[in-house]
Amino acid sequence: MSVSLSVIIPCYRSQATLPELLRRLANALDATKNPFEVIFVEDCGGDDTWQVIQELARQDARVRGIKLARNYGQHNALLCGIRAARGDIIVTIDDDLQNPPEEIHKLLDKLHEGHDVVYGSPQAETHGFLRNQASRITKLALQGTMGVESASKVSAFRVFRTRLRNAFEAYRSPSVNIDVLLTWGTTSFSSVNVRQDDRLIGDSGYSLKKLINHAINMMTGFSVLPLQIASLLGITFGALGMLVLTYVVGRYFIAGSAVPGFTFIASIVAIFSGVQLFALGIFGEYLARMHFRSMERPPYTLLHETPLAEATPSSTAIPPVHVSQS
């Protein structure tokens, strides 16, 4: 059955990789005989990526470009592209050529078996140590809604049915995670093993600060796990406090003396104060999320968009239609 595809590519300082990525995408998708479009979402990287996207859109009617007003982040850019997509199935892929376009057919074949979301799980991770640790934290937070096995296979290389976006069409929080939003629309997840190539051009846009912020945002923005940890710590140290109290009182009545030493008292106070401050910090993160949500900051703002071009007879582009932007 022929279905239309929308390929969403968030772009950040990727001017050198986009022409080759589009060439490989076109070759891979032409082989499927399905009409498709490619949507590049430029996330204000500060280089000439937008100019490259505009030129690619002029050369190929199947290419659309969207430029955001400022740098919002990868998942925010993905949300923008997802809402602009016109195909029946959405494909998301990174801009760094580490996700081989030639592997897309594997994801589509698995999707057609009856699943709603299929991830391309890399056979071997090629990211750095810090990126892998942040990815593990993200997957840990996803386990509650997706299940352990599905969460362990999550990646930026994914395909899903466009109708799933109806579940989060009204979502307007500045904190976005596409994988969590997809759980609002389905529980049918699957994955296939795919090749992951080494990065040959440029450097990753994820700095240490961004990795930490992403991990914290994931844990506090879409999961109650930190609150559960705070509760567990409260119960544990409450029990520890009762044991210490029992020891102090027992020593007084049995040995006839109090526990000597300022060091002992200071250590107990420091430990319990640290746990309290840790719990307050977690509560503060959740309050901050609620504060930002109450401000109704948009997840992204569009600055420019390439005009919709009519499909040429030789191309298999999706015909232009009116699309309302959220």
Protein backbone atom coordinates (compact mmCIF):
# COMPACT_ATOMS: atom_id res chain seq x y z
CA MET A 1 0.00 0.00 0.00
CA SER A 2 1.40 3.38 -1.03
CA VAL A 3 1.55 5.93 1.80
CA SER A 4 3.03 9.41 1.89
CA LEU A 5 6.04 10.18 4.04
CA SER A 6 7.20 13.32 5.82
CA VAL A 7 10.86 13.31 6.81
CA ILE A 8 11.57 15.76 9.65
CA ILE A 9 15.19 16.86 10.12
CA PRO A 10 16.12 19.31 12.92
CA CYS A 11 19.16 21.24 11.73
CA TYR A 12 21.87 22.84 13.86
CA ARG A 13 25.10 23.99 12.21
CA SER A 14 24.75 21.36 9.50
CA GLN A 15 25.41 23.31 6.31
CA ALA A 16 28.10 20.84 5.24
CA THR A 17 26.00 17.68 5.65
CA LEU A 18 22.56 18.63 4.29
CA PRO A 19 23.25 18.32 0.51
CA GLU A 20 24.67 14.81 0.93
CA LEU A 21 21.89 13.87 3.38
CA LEU A 22 19.20 14.98 0.92
CA ARG A 23 20.85 13.08 -1.93
CA ARG A 24 20.92 9.85 0.07
CA LEU A 25 17.38 10.42 1.35
CA ALA A 26 16.02 10.96 -2.15
CA ASN A 27 17.71 7.80 -3.45
CA ALA A 28 16.46 5.73 -0.51
CA LEU A 29 12.88 7.02 -0.60
CA ASP A 30 12.55 6.95 -4.39
CA ALA A 31 13.13 3.21 -4.11
CA THR A 32 10.04 2.88 -1.90
CA LYS A 33 7.80 4.41 -4.63
CA ASN A 34 5.99 6.47 -1.99
CA PRO A 35 5.37 10.23 -2.31
CA PHE A 36 7.40 12.11 0.26
CA GLU A 37 8.50 15.49 1.51
CA VAL A 38 11.60 16.53 3.43
CA ILE A 39 11.18 19.21 6.10
CA PHE A 40 14.36 20.88 7.36
CA VAL A 41 13.82 22.82 10.60
CA GLU A 42 16.71 25.24 11.18
CA ASP A 43 17.27 25.80 14.90
CA CYS A 44 19.34 28.99 14.67
CA GLY A 45 22.82 27.53 14.75
CA GLY A 46 24.38 30.77 13.55
CA ASP A 47 25.98 29.47 10.34
CA ASP A 48 24.76 29.30 6.70
CA THR A 49 22.46 26.31 7.20
CA TRP A 50 19.33 28.32 6.35
CA GLN A 51 20.84 29.52 3.07
CA VAL A 52 21.66 25.92 2.16
CA ILE A 53 18.10 24.84 2.98
CA GLN A 54 16.66 27.61 0.81
CA GLU A 55 18.83 26.53 -2.11
CA LEU A 56 17.85 22.89 -1.70
CA ALA A 57 14.16 23.91 -1.62
CA ARG A 58 14.59 25.82 -4.88
CA GLN A 59 16.20 22.81 -6.53
CA ASP A 60 13.76 20.16 -5.29
CA ALA A 61 9.99 20.58 -4.91
CA ARG A 62 9.97 17.89 -2.25
CA VAL A 63 12.00 20.03 0.16
CA ARG A 64 10.52 22.46 2.66
CA GLY A 65 12.40 24.67 5.06
CA ILE A 66 11.40 26.24 8.37
CA LYS A 67 13.60 28.64 10.31
CA LEU A 68 12.92 29.16 14.01
CA ALA A 69 13.23 32.58 15.62
CA ARG A 70 15.87 31.41 18.12
CA ASN A 71 17.56 28.25 19.32
CA TYR A 72 14.89 26.15 21.05
CA GLY A 73 16.47 22.71 21.06
CA GLN A 74 16.23 19.52 19.04
CA HIS A 75 12.90 18.25 20.37
CA ASN A 76 11.23 21.66 20.01
CA ALA A 77 12.38 21.79 16.39
CA LEU A 78 11.02 18.28 15.88
CA LEU A 79 7.65 19.32 17.29
CA CYS A 80 7.53 22.21 14.83
CA GLY A 81 8.25 19.91 11.89
CA ILE A 82 5.77 17.29 13.10
CA ARG A 83 2.97 19.85 13.21
CA ALA A 84 3.83 21.01 9.69
CA ALA A 85 4.01 17.50 8.22
CA ARG A 86 1.50 16.50 5.51
CA GLY A 87 2.37 12.84 5.07
CA ASP A 88 0.64 9.78 6.49
CA ILE A 89 3.83 8.64 8.20
CA ILE A 90 6.51 10.78 9.82
CA VAL A 91 10.20 9.89 9.76
CA THR A 92 12.63 11.72 12.06
CA ILE A 93 16.35 11.57 11.41
CA ASP A 94 19.40 13.50 12.58
CA ASP A 95 21.26 15.93 10.34
CA ASP A 96 24.77 14.55 10.95
CA LEU A 97 24.63 11.50 8.62
CA GLN A 98 25.01 9.10 11.55
CA ASN A 99 21.51 7.71 10.86
CA PRO A 100 21.77 6.02 7.43
CA PRO A 101 18.78 6.97 5.22
CA GLU A 102 19.21 3.61 3.52
CA GLU A 103 17.91 1.95 6.71
CA ILE A 104 14.54 3.75 6.67
CA HIS A 105 12.87 0.89 4.78
CA LYS A 106 13.53 -1.42 7.76
CA LEU A 107 11.59 0.90 10.06
CA LEU A 108 8.74 1.23 7.56
CA ASP A 109 8.50 -2.53 7.11
CA LYS A 110 8.23 -2.98 10.87
CA LEU A 111 5.64 -0.19 11.13
CA HIS A 112 3.46 -1.89 8.52
CA GLU A 113 3.30 -4.97 10.73
CA GLY A 114 0.80 -3.04 12.85
CA HIS A 115 2.86 -0.86 15.18
CA ASP A 116 2.38 2.87 15.70
CA VAL A 117 5.99 3.84 16.52
CA VAL A 118 9.20 2.11 15.44
CA TYR A 119 12.69 3.15 16.57
CA GLY A 120 15.91 2.49 14.75
CA SER A 121 18.06 1.16 17.57
CA PRO A 122 21.79 1.44 16.78
CA GLN A 123 23.71 -1.82 16.93
CA ALA A 124 26.61 0.04 18.54
CA GLU A 125 26.55 3.52 20.09
CA THR A 126 29.09 5.92 18.61
CA HIS A 127 28.42 8.88 20.91
CA GLY A 128 30.75 10.07 23.66
CA PHE A 129 30.60 8.95 27.29
CA LEU A 130 28.61 11.97 28.55
CA ARG A 131 26.07 11.74 25.72
CA ASN A 132 25.55 8.05 26.46
CA GLN A 133 25.02 8.71 30.18
CA ALA A 134 22.44 11.43 29.46
CA SER A 135 20.72 9.01 27.09
CA ARG A 136 20.56 6.36 29.84
CA ILE A 137 18.96 8.83 32.26
CA THR A 138 16.38 9.76 29.62
CA LYS A 139 15.55 6.12 28.99
CA LEU A 140 15.24 5.48 32.72
CA ALA A 141 12.56 8.19 32.95
CA LEU A 142 10.74 6.72 29.94
CA GLN A 143 10.52 3.22 31.38
CA GLY A 144 7.41 4.01 33.42
CA THR A 145 5.32 4.91 30.37
CA MET A 146 6.91 2.82 27.63
CA GLY A 147 8.12 -0.25 29.48
CA VAL A 148 11.72 -1.24 30.09
CA GLU A 149 12.31 -2.98 26.76
CA SER A 150 10.79 -0.23 24.58
CA ALA A 151 12.52 2.59 26.48
CA SER A 152 15.92 0.95 26.06
CA LYS A 153 15.51 1.13 22.27
CA VAL A 154 14.58 4.83 22.03
CA SER A 155 16.59 6.87 19.53
CA ALA A 156 16.29 9.99 17.34
CA PHE A 157 15.84 7.71 14.31
CA ARG A 158 12.14 6.86 14.39
CA VAL A 159 9.00 6.48 12.28
CA PHE A 160 5.43 6.87 13.49
CA ARG A 161 1.94 7.46 12.21
CA THR A 162 1.08 11.13 11.78
CA ARG A 163 -2.28 10.75 13.53
CA LEU A 164 -0.43 10.39 16.85
CA ARG A 165 0.19 14.14 16.89
CA ASN A 166 -3.50 14.64 17.65
CA ALA A 167 -2.74 13.51 21.21
CA PHE A 168 -0.47 16.52 21.80
CA GLU A 169 -1.82 19.11 19.38
CA ALA A 170 -2.61 21.50 22.27
CA TYR A 171 0.76 21.03 23.99
CA ARG A 172 2.45 24.40 24.52
CA SER A 173 5.04 23.91 27.28
CA PRO A 174 8.59 25.10 26.44
CA SER A 175 9.91 21.74 27.70
CA VAL A 176 9.44 19.18 24.93
CA ASN A 177 10.31 15.51 24.62
CA ILE A 178 8.89 13.84 21.53
CA ASP A 179 9.20 10.32 22.91
CA VAL A 180 7.09 11.18 25.95
CA LEU A 181 4.50 12.95 23.80
CA LEU A 182 4.19 9.88 21.60
CA THR A 183 3.23 7.83 24.66
CA TRP A 184 0.18 10.09 25.01
CA GLY A 185 -1.17 8.69 21.74
CA THR A 186 -0.20 5.02 21.75
CA THR A 187 1.33 2.11 23.61
CA SER A 188 2.31 0.21 20.46
CA PHE A 189 6.10 0.65 20.24
CA SER A 190 8.67 -1.48 18.50
CA SER A 191 12.23 -1.25 17.22
CA VAL A 192 14.65 -2.67 14.69
CA ASN A 193 18.44 -2.79 14.73
CA VAL A 194 20.07 -0.34 12.34
CA ARG A 195 23.57 0.73 11.48
CA GLN A 196 24.93 3.92 13.02
CA ASP A 197 27.77 5.61 11.17
CA ASP A 198 30.56 7.69 12.67
CA ARG A 199 30.32 11.47 12.50
CA LEU A 200 32.59 12.59 9.67
CA ILE A 201 31.78 16.31 9.54
CA GLY A 202 31.41 18.81 12.39
CA ASP A 203 30.94 18.29 16.11
CA SER A 204 27.93 17.39 18.21
CA GLY A 205 25.72 20.32 19.24
CA TYR A 206 25.30 18.79 22.70
CA SER A 207 27.62 20.49 25.17
CA LEU A 208 28.01 19.28 28.77
CA LYS A 209 25.62 22.00 29.94
CA LYS A 210 22.98 20.97 27.38
CA LEU A 211 23.34 17.32 28.32
CA ILE A 212 22.82 18.09 32.01
CA ASN A 213 19.86 20.38 31.29
CA HIS A 214 18.29 17.77 29.02
CA ALA A 215 18.65 15.06 31.66
CA ILE A 216 17.18 17.27 34.41
CA ASN A 217 14.37 18.42 32.14
CA MET A 218 13.54 14.85 31.25
CA MET A 219 13.53 13.66 34.84
CA THR A 220 11.53 16.54 36.32
CA GLY A 221 9.44 17.60 33.34
CA PHE A 222 7.94 14.26 32.35
CA SER A 223 8.45 11.90 35.29
CA VAL A 224 7.59 11.69 39.00
CA LEU A 225 10.64 9.49 39.64
CA PRO A 226 12.59 12.29 41.43
CA LEU A 227 9.64 12.86 43.78
CA GLN A 228 9.50 9.15 44.48
CA ILE A 229 13.23 9.18 45.21
CA ALA A 230 12.74 12.12 47.60
CA SER A 231 9.94 10.22 49.36
CA LEU A 232 12.10 7.11 49.62
CA LEU A 233 14.98 9.12 51.05
CA GLY A 234 12.62 10.72 53.57
CA ILE A 235 11.36 7.34 54.74
CA THR A 236 14.88 5.86 54.85
CA PHE A 237 16.44 8.68 56.82
CA GLY A 238 13.38 8.94 59.05
CA ALA A 239 13.93 5.30 59.99
CA LEU A 240 17.64 6.01 60.47
CA GLY A 241 16.75 8.89 62.78
CA MET A 242 14.57 6.59 64.89
CA LEU A 243 17.44 4.11 65.16
CA VAL A 244 19.81 6.89 66.28
CA LEU A 245 17.25 8.10 68.81
CA THR A 246 16.79 4.54 70.13
CA TYR A 247 20.56 4.19 70.47
CA VAL A 248 20.94 7.50 72.33
CA VAL A 249 18.06 6.82 74.73
CA GLY A 250 19.11 3.19 75.27
CA ARG A 251 22.69 4.20 76.03
CA TYR A 252 21.45 6.77 78.54
CA PHE A 253 19.28 4.28 80.46
CA ILE A 254 21.59 1.26 80.16
CA ALA A 255 25.05 2.82 80.49
CA GLY A 256 23.90 5.86 82.42
CA SER A 257 25.63 8.30 80.06
CA ALA A 258 24.82 10.29 76.93
CA VAL A 259 26.56 9.77 73.60
CA PRO A 260 29.76 11.84 73.83
CA GLY A 261 31.24 14.03 71.16
CA PHE A 262 30.28 17.06 69.14
CA THR A 263 31.41 15.27 65.95
CA PHE A 264 28.67 12.68 66.25
CA ILE A 265 25.95 15.29 66.67
CA ALA A 266 27.31 17.51 63.89
CA SER A 267 27.49 14.55 61.48
CA ILE A 268 23.89 13.56 62.15
CA VAL A 269 22.69 17.14 61.68
CA ALA A 270 24.68 17.53 58.43
CA ILE A 271 23.33 14.28 56.98
CA PHE A 272 19.71 15.05 57.73
CA SER A 273 20.04 18.66 56.59
CA GLY A 274 21.57 17.51 53.31
CA VAL A 275 18.68 15.15 52.65
CA GLN A 276 16.18 17.92 53.39
CA LEU A 277 17.91 20.35 51.04
CA PHE A 278 18.04 17.66 48.34
CA ALA A 279 14.30 17.09 48.65
CA LEU A 280 13.64 20.85 48.62
CA GLY A 281 15.73 21.13 45.45
CA ILE A 282 13.58 18.51 43.73
CA PHE A 283 10.40 20.27 44.79
CA GLY A 284 11.88 23.53 43.49
CA GLU A 285 12.51 22.01 40.07
CA TYR A 286 8.88 20.91 39.82
CA LEU A 287 7.66 24.33 40.96
CA ALA A 288 9.86 25.94 38.30
CA ARG A 289 8.29 23.70 35.62
CA MET A 290 4.83 24.75 36.81
CA HIS A 291 5.90 28.41 36.77
CA PHE A 292 7.19 28.26 33.19
CA ARG A 293 4.08 26.38 32.10
CA SER A 294 1.85 29.08 33.66
CA MET A 295 3.69 31.73 31.61
CA GLU A 296 2.45 29.95 28.45
CA ARG A 297 5.76 30.32 26.67
CA PRO A 298 5.50 28.69 23.22
CA PRO A 299 7.70 25.68 22.47
CA TYR A 300 8.92 27.45 19.31
CA THR A 301 8.31 30.49 17.13
CA LEU A 302 8.63 30.53 13.33
CA LEU A 303 10.75 33.20 11.69
CA HIS A 304 10.85 32.14 8.02
CA GLU A 305 9.43 29.36 5.88
CA THR A 306 10.18 28.41 2.30
CA PRO A 307 7.17 28.64 -0.02
CA LEU A 308 5.35 25.45 -0.94
CA ALA A 309 6.40 24.47 -4.45
CA GLU A 310 4.23 22.55 -6.87
CA ALA A 311 5.46 19.03 -7.48
CA THR A 312 7.24 18.54 -10.78
CA PRO A 313 6.16 15.64 -12.99
CA SER A 314 9.43 13.81 -12.32
CA SER A 315 9.18 14.05 -8.53
CA THR A 316 7.07 12.19 -6.01
CA ALA A 317 6.30 15.09 -3.73
CA ILE A 318 3.19 15.46 -1.62
CA PRO A 319 0.85 18.00 -3.24
CA PRO A 320 0.71 21.33 -1.35
CA VAL A 321 -2.19 21.69 1.05
CA HIS A 322 -3.13 24.29 3.63
CA VAL A 323 -1.58 23.47 7.00
CA SER A 324 -2.57 25.33 10.15
CA GLN A 325 0.38 26.11 12.40
CA SER A 326 -0.05 25.59 16.14
